[in-house]
Amino acid sequence: MNLTFARVVLAASTNDPVPEPRTTTLPPEQTARDLVKFYQSSFLALYPAFSSSSLTIIVDSLYQESPRPLTSPQYWLFWMVLAVASAARSRSKSDQNYQDALEYVARALPHADRALMPGYLTQIQSLFLLTQYAMLDPAHFDSWNLIGFTARAVVDLGLHQDPPNMSSMDQEDLDARRRVFYCVYALDR
């Protein structure tokens, strides 16, 4: 077994193992869209670590008649948004929302190696989502360790400062870097 950054992060931050997924099918489209809408209004409005449109594009792609293949970070984004939204709606460990959240996390974990791959902005966004989930489900993940990994990854990528050659960087990319940095900073505080 290869030792990857994702496996180190998960080994250091997992309290109780997440059960294996019960199914391999997508949730009903309306359920997914409702959870995405809830996440967008409750979390993404406060912490815009990624664009709302990219999330909408992923959902649209998954629920087409012939869905196009997505990357591991995109699958991670989809499943973790559903997990965070379900966990936020949960009122106890025995309710359906909590069970659904665990299912969605279990569906995201096979994509961890690529989603948490160091050196990319998607790594920070993926760690950020896992940290948000950990704050809602401390029984399975340690949010303290996860926000530490996330903050260190932000510094490793240099998001805490503007790149020296800002003139050659696209303004949209620069804004995304700054947004991700401030989201992580705010969550860490």
Protein backbone atom coordinates (compact mmCIF):
# COMPACT_ATOMS: atom_id res chain seq x y z
CA MET A 1 0.00 0.00 0.00
CA ASN A 2 1.38 3.41 -0.97
CA LEU A 3 1.63 6.08 1.69
CA THR A 4 -0.05 9.18 0.30
CA PHE A 5 -0.77 12.55 1.85
CA ALA A 6 -4.47 11.66 1.98
CA ARG A 7 -3.77 8.48 3.94
CA VAL A 8 -1.59 10.39 6.42
CA VAL A 9 -4.30 13.02 6.90
CA LEU A 10 -7.05 10.44 7.31
CA ALA A 11 -4.97 8.30 9.69
CA ALA A 12 -4.16 11.32 11.86
CA SER A 13 -7.66 12.75 11.91
CA THR A 14 -9.98 9.73 11.98
CA ASN A 15 -11.51 8.99 15.38
CA ASP A 16 -13.92 6.20 14.42
CA PRO A 17 -13.77 4.54 11.00
CA VAL A 18 -16.48 5.51 8.55
CA PRO A 19 -18.65 2.50 7.62
CA GLU A 20 -18.45 1.15 4.08
CA PRO A 21 -20.98 2.64 1.63
CA ARG A 22 -24.29 0.80 1.47
CA THR A 23 -24.95 1.61 -2.18
CA THR A 24 -23.20 2.68 -5.37
CA THR A 25 -26.07 4.67 -6.84
CA LEU A 26 -26.52 8.40 -6.77
CA PRO A 27 -29.10 9.83 -4.39
CA PRO A 28 -32.33 11.02 -6.04
CA GLU A 29 -31.68 14.15 -8.05
CA GLN A 30 -34.10 16.30 -6.04
CA THR A 31 -32.46 15.22 -2.79
CA ALA A 32 -29.01 16.13 -4.12
CA ARG A 33 -30.22 19.50 -5.43
CA ASP A 34 -31.94 20.29 -2.12
CA LEU A 35 -28.78 19.48 -0.17
CA VAL A 36 -26.64 21.52 -2.56
CA LYS A 37 -29.03 24.46 -2.24
CA PHE A 38 -28.93 24.15 1.57
CA TYR A 39 -25.11 24.07 1.49
CA GLN A 40 -24.95 27.07 -0.83
CA SER A 41 -27.22 29.18 1.38
CA SER A 42 -25.88 28.03 4.76
CA PHE A 43 -22.17 27.41 4.20
CA LEU A 44 -21.00 28.66 0.83
CA ALA A 45 -22.45 32.11 1.54
CA LEU A 46 -20.16 32.36 4.61
CA TYR A 47 -17.17 30.42 3.28
CA PRO A 48 -16.93 30.75 -0.53
CA ALA A 49 -13.96 28.39 -0.85
CA PHE A 50 -15.15 27.33 -4.30
CA SER A 51 -17.60 28.72 -6.79
CA SER A 52 -21.28 27.96 -6.63
CA SER A 53 -21.34 27.54 -10.40
CA SER A 54 -18.71 24.78 -10.32
CA LEU A 55 -20.88 22.86 -7.86
CA THR A 56 -23.95 23.34 -10.05
CA ILE A 57 -22.03 22.14 -13.12
CA ILE A 58 -20.97 18.98 -11.26
CA VAL A 59 -24.55 18.21 -10.19
CA ASP A 60 -25.83 18.87 -13.71
CA SER A 61 -23.13 16.58 -15.15
CA LEU A 62 -23.94 13.72 -12.78
CA TYR A 63 -27.67 13.77 -13.46
CA GLN A 64 -27.59 13.90 -17.26
CA GLU A 65 -28.89 10.95 -19.23
CA SER A 66 -25.33 10.01 -20.08
CA PRO A 67 -23.22 11.58 -17.32
CA ARG A 68 -19.77 12.71 -18.29
CA PRO A 69 -16.89 11.41 -16.18
CA LEU A 70 -15.70 13.73 -13.44
CA THR A 71 -12.32 14.08 -11.75
CA SER A 72 -11.73 12.79 -8.24
CA PRO A 73 -11.70 16.33 -6.77
CA GLN A 74 -15.09 16.95 -8.41
CA TYR A 75 -16.56 13.74 -6.99
CA TRP A 76 -15.07 14.65 -3.61
CA LEU A 77 -16.67 18.10 -3.81
CA PHE A 78 -20.06 16.63 -4.66
CA TRP A 79 -20.10 13.94 -1.97
CA MET A 80 -18.63 16.15 0.76
CA VAL A 81 -21.09 18.98 0.09
CA LEU A 82 -23.91 16.46 0.46
CA ALA A 83 -22.28 15.11 3.64
CA VAL A 84 -21.84 18.54 5.23
CA ALA A 85 -25.40 19.58 4.36
CA SER A 86 -26.87 16.32 5.70
CA ALA A 87 -24.82 16.49 8.89
CA ALA A 88 -25.92 20.09 9.42
CA ARG A 89 -29.56 19.04 9.13
CA SER A 90 -29.08 16.16 11.57
CA ARG A 91 -30.36 16.46 15.13
CA SER A 92 -29.03 13.15 16.51
CA LYS A 93 -26.81 10.22 15.58
CA SER A 94 -29.86 8.06 15.06
CA ASP A 95 -31.69 10.21 12.51
CA GLN A 96 -31.72 9.66 8.75
CA ASN A 97 -29.78 12.84 7.97
CA TYR A 98 -26.83 11.62 10.05
CA GLN A 99 -26.91 8.19 8.39
CA ASP A 100 -27.05 9.85 4.96
CA ALA A 101 -24.09 12.08 5.89
CA LEU A 102 -22.02 9.02 6.80
CA GLU A 103 -23.01 7.38 3.53
CA TYR A 104 -21.93 10.44 1.54
CA VAL A 105 -18.57 10.61 3.34
CA ALA A 106 -18.06 6.91 2.65
CA ARG A 107 -18.73 7.62 -1.04
CA ALA A 108 -16.19 10.50 -1.01
CA LEU A 109 -13.33 8.63 0.69
CA PRO A 110 -12.30 6.52 -2.35
CA HIS A 111 -11.48 9.83 -4.08
CA ALA A 112 -9.30 11.10 -1.22
CA ASP A 113 -5.90 10.22 -2.74
CA ARG A 114 -6.46 12.44 -5.76
CA ALA A 115 -8.63 15.10 -4.10
CA LEU A 116 -6.09 15.68 -1.32
CA MET A 117 -3.06 15.54 -3.62
CA PRO A 118 -0.61 18.26 -2.52
CA GLY A 119 0.23 21.18 -4.74
CA TYR A 120 -3.20 22.08 -6.06
CA LEU A 121 -5.91 24.51 -4.99
CA THR A 122 -8.34 21.57 -5.04
CA GLN A 123 -6.33 20.04 -2.17
CA ILE A 124 -7.12 23.02 0.06
CA GLN A 125 -10.78 23.02 -0.97
CA SER A 126 -11.03 19.28 -0.29
CA LEU A 127 -9.37 19.61 3.12
CA PHE A 128 -11.64 22.55 3.87
CA LEU A 129 -14.76 20.46 3.17
CA LEU A 130 -13.47 17.60 5.31
CA THR A 131 -12.81 20.07 8.13
CA GLN A 132 -16.35 21.44 7.86
CA TYR A 133 -17.70 17.91 8.04
CA ALA A 134 -15.48 17.09 11.03
CA MET A 135 -16.90 20.06 12.92
CA LEU A 136 -20.36 18.56 12.49
CA ASP A 137 -19.33 14.93 13.17
CA PRO A 138 -16.54 14.90 15.78
CA ALA A 139 -17.19 11.21 16.45
CA HIS A 140 -15.56 10.27 13.15
CA PHE A 141 -13.05 13.05 12.44
CA ASP A 142 -10.90 15.43 14.48
CA SER A 143 -11.49 18.96 13.21
CA TRP A 144 -8.51 20.32 15.17
CA ASN A 145 -6.03 18.16 13.24
CA LEU A 146 -7.82 18.79 9.95
CA ILE A 147 -7.78 22.59 10.20
CA GLY A 148 -4.08 22.31 11.09
CA PHE A 149 -3.40 20.27 7.95
CA THR A 150 -5.47 22.73 5.92
CA ALA A 151 -3.68 25.80 7.27
CA ARG A 152 -0.27 24.22 6.66
CA ALA A 153 -1.27 23.31 3.12
CA VAL A 154 -2.33 26.94 2.53
CA VAL A 155 1.12 28.13 3.58
CA ASP A 156 2.85 25.39 1.54
CA LEU A 157 1.01 26.57 -1.57
CA GLY A 158 1.83 30.19 -0.75
CA LEU A 159 -1.80 31.30 -0.61
CA HIS A 160 -1.00 33.48 2.41
CA GLN A 161 0.73 35.94 0.09
CA ASP A 162 0.16 37.17 -3.42
CA PRO A 163 2.48 35.64 -6.03
CA PRO A 164 5.42 37.86 -7.00
CA ASN A 165 4.39 38.06 -10.66
CA MET A 166 0.74 39.01 -10.14
CA SER A 167 0.62 40.77 -13.49
CA SER A 168 0.93 37.43 -15.32
CA MET A 169 -1.74 35.73 -13.20
CA ASP A 170 -5.35 35.78 -14.31
CA GLN A 171 -7.44 38.01 -12.01
CA GLU A 172 -10.00 35.24 -11.49
CA ASP A 173 -7.29 32.81 -10.33
CA LEU A 174 -5.85 35.44 -8.01
CA ASP A 175 -9.30 36.08 -6.52
CA ALA A 176 -9.84 32.33 -6.04
CA ARG A 177 -6.50 32.03 -4.18
CA ARG A 178 -7.41 34.93 -1.91
CA ARG A 179 -10.92 33.58 -1.27
CA VAL A 180 -9.61 30.15 -0.30
CA PHE A 181 -6.98 31.69 2.00
CA TYR A 182 -9.52 33.86 3.81
CA CYS A 183 -11.99 30.98 4.14
CA VAL A 184 -9.36 28.78 5.78
CA TYR A 185 -8.18 31.66 7.95
CA ALA A 186 -11.73 32.40 9.12
CA LEU A 187 -12.46 28.75 9.87
CA ASP A 188 -9.17 28.44 11.77
CA ARG A 189 -9.95 31.45 13.91
